[in-house]
Amino acid sequence: MSHHRLHIVFALIAGSLALAGCRGAQQAQLNVLSVEQASTPDRDMVVYVEVVNHAKRPMRLQRLQYTFASAGAQTTHGELELGYRLVDAGTAVVVEVPLPLADAALGTTLTLVGKLWAEQDHIMRSFAVAAEVATPVERAP
């Protein structure tokens, strides 16, 4: 391989590693803030989730596809439209995720696993997200 071709190969590898590093830094993060009794009668519980944008550019949230699971068993799944909410660079927003809760799931720790869809730089991106959710021990009166 010529010296010129070797230089191009090293430049491509370095560029790929730099892009991979940037992608990791741009990963959206999901943090569970609390689990509360819903204020509307058509819902059991609401999980308040903070969506953090670690990127240096804003992102517009589209939807969250999610599953709540307990000890390997699927509890519930759904898709939540997020109304194209804007999350500026380095900031966060709070999202309410409905959680229908059977009595058997009270007092357990669930895992929220899913995919968050957002538009960033006019490109639709998806981010794998996961978080632990501790459910209350009993229903509120």
Protein backbone atom coordinates (compact mmCIF):
# COMPACT_ATOMS: atom_id res chain seq x y z
CA MET A 1 0.00 0.00 0.00
CA SER A 2 1.42 3.38 -0.94
CA HIS A 3 2.18 6.02 1.67
CA HIS A 4 -0.60 8.25 0.26
CA ARG A 5 -3.22 5.46 0.50
CA LEU A 6 -2.08 4.59 4.02
CA HIS A 7 -2.52 8.25 5.01
CA ILE A 8 -6.09 8.25 3.59
CA VAL A 9 -6.95 5.02 5.45
CA PHE A 10 -5.70 6.51 8.75
CA ALA A 11 -7.66 9.72 8.10
CA LEU A 12 -10.86 7.72 7.46
CA ILE A 13 -10.37 5.66 10.63
CA ALA A 14 -9.71 8.79 12.70
CA GLY A 15 -12.80 10.47 11.23
CA SER A 16 -14.95 7.42 11.99
CA LEU A 17 -13.71 7.33 15.59
CA ALA A 18 -14.39 11.06 15.99
CA LEU A 19 -17.93 10.62 14.63
CA ALA A 20 -18.53 7.67 16.93
CA GLY A 21 -17.38 9.77 19.88
CA CYS A 22 -19.72 12.60 18.88
CA ARG A 23 -22.68 10.24 18.56
CA GLY A 24 -22.10 8.96 22.09
CA ALA A 25 -22.03 12.48 23.46
CA GLN A 26 -25.29 13.30 21.64
CA GLN A 27 -27.21 10.40 23.17
CA ALA A 28 -30.47 11.52 24.75
CA GLN A 29 -30.91 10.40 28.34
CA LEU A 30 -34.04 9.44 30.25
CA ASN A 31 -34.26 9.87 34.05
CA VAL A 32 -37.27 8.85 36.13
CA LEU A 33 -38.22 11.69 38.49
CA SER A 34 -41.27 10.19 40.23
CA VAL A 35 -44.29 7.92 39.98
CA GLU A 36 -47.56 9.56 40.99
CA GLN A 37 -51.25 8.73 41.16
CA ALA A 38 -52.91 10.12 38.01
CA SER A 39 -55.19 13.11 38.38
CA THR A 40 -57.56 11.82 35.68
CA PRO A 41 -59.80 8.78 36.19
CA ASP A 42 -58.77 7.09 32.91
CA ARG A 43 -55.19 6.53 34.14
CA ASP A 44 -53.82 4.61 37.11
CA MET A 45 -50.36 6.14 37.48
CA VAL A 46 -48.08 8.64 35.74
CA VAL A 47 -44.32 8.28 35.49
CA TYR A 48 -42.62 11.68 35.27
CA VAL A 49 -39.57 11.27 33.07
CA GLU A 50 -36.87 13.84 32.39
CA VAL A 51 -35.49 13.77 28.83
CA VAL A 52 -31.99 15.29 28.73
CA ASN A 53 -30.41 16.55 25.50
CA HIS A 54 -26.62 16.19 25.85
CA ALA A 55 -26.00 17.37 22.28
CA LYS A 56 -24.70 20.82 21.37
CA ARG A 57 -27.74 21.36 19.14
CA PRO A 58 -31.46 21.39 19.91
CA MET A 59 -33.67 18.41 19.24
CA ARG A 60 -37.40 18.23 18.65
CA LEU A 61 -39.00 15.25 20.40
CA GLN A 62 -41.40 13.24 18.24
CA ARG A 63 -42.50 10.13 20.13
CA LEU A 64 -41.53 7.58 22.74
CA GLN A 65 -42.14 3.88 22.14
CA TYR A 66 -41.89 2.12 25.48
CA THR A 67 -42.35 -1.06 27.44
CA PHE A 68 -42.59 -1.46 31.20
CA ALA A 69 -41.31 -4.85 32.34
CA SER A 70 -40.91 -6.57 35.69
CA ALA A 71 -38.49 -9.47 36.23
CA GLY A 72 -38.44 -10.32 32.51
CA ALA A 73 -42.23 -10.25 32.10
CA GLN A 74 -43.76 -7.51 29.97
CA THR A 75 -46.22 -5.41 31.95
CA THR A 76 -47.43 -2.85 29.43
CA HIS A 77 -46.25 -1.15 26.29
CA GLY A 78 -47.28 1.86 24.32
CA GLU A 79 -46.37 4.79 22.17
CA LEU A 80 -46.58 8.37 23.35
CA GLU A 81 -46.72 11.30 20.93
CA LEU A 82 -44.57 14.10 22.34
CA GLY A 83 -46.00 17.00 20.36
CA TYR A 84 -42.74 18.02 18.72
CA ARG A 85 -41.44 19.47 21.99
CA LEU A 86 -38.19 21.38 21.58
CA VAL A 87 -35.30 20.50 23.90
CA ASP A 88 -32.52 23.05 23.62
CA ALA A 89 -28.88 21.99 23.70
CA GLY A 90 -27.78 20.90 27.17
CA THR A 91 -31.28 21.20 28.69
CA ALA A 92 -34.10 18.87 29.69
CA VAL A 93 -37.90 18.61 29.58
CA VAL A 94 -40.31 16.56 31.67
CA VAL A 95 -42.61 14.07 29.97
CA GLU A 96 -45.60 12.26 31.53
CA VAL A 97 -45.72 8.57 30.63
CA PRO A 98 -48.97 6.72 31.53
CA LEU A 99 -48.57 3.53 33.54
CA PRO A 100 -51.64 1.30 33.93
CA LEU A 101 -50.84 -0.48 37.13
CA ALA A 102 -52.29 -3.82 38.21
CA ASP A 103 -52.36 -4.48 41.95
CA ALA A 104 -49.74 -7.19 41.39
CA ALA A 105 -47.29 -4.57 40.08
CA LEU A 106 -47.55 -2.34 43.17
CA GLY A 107 -44.37 -2.22 45.23
CA THR A 108 -42.17 -3.59 42.45
CA THR A 109 -39.37 -2.15 40.40
CA LEU A 110 -40.16 -1.95 36.71
CA THR A 111 -37.78 -1.32 33.86
CA LEU A 112 -38.84 1.22 31.27
CA VAL A 113 -37.19 0.28 27.97
CA GLY A 114 -37.85 1.92 24.65
CA LYS A 115 -36.92 4.11 21.78
CA LEU A 116 -37.09 7.90 21.78
CA TRP A 117 -37.57 9.50 18.36
CA ALA A 118 -36.36 13.07 17.81
CA GLU A 119 -35.50 15.36 14.94
CA GLN A 120 -32.06 16.93 15.08
CA ASP A 121 -30.45 18.90 12.26
CA HIS A 122 -33.42 17.98 10.02
CA ILE A 123 -32.60 14.29 10.50
CA MET A 124 -34.89 11.87 12.32
CA ARG A 125 -32.90 10.00 14.98
CA SER A 126 -33.82 7.31 17.45
CA PHE A 127 -32.21 6.77 20.82
CA ALA A 128 -32.42 3.59 22.88
CA VAL A 129 -33.54 4.54 26.39
CA ALA A 130 -33.90 2.64 29.65
CA ALA A 131 -34.66 3.55 33.26
CA GLU A 132 -35.70 1.89 36.51
CA VAL A 133 -39.15 2.78 37.90
CA ALA A 134 -39.99 2.02 41.56
CA THR A 135 -43.80 1.76 41.88
CA PRO A 136 -45.59 2.79 45.07
CA VAL A 137 -46.38 0.11 47.63
CA GLU A 138 -50.13 0.85 47.61
CA ARG A 139 -52.64 2.91 45.68
CA ALA A 140 -53.46 6.40 46.89
CA PRO A 141 -57.03 6.71 48.25
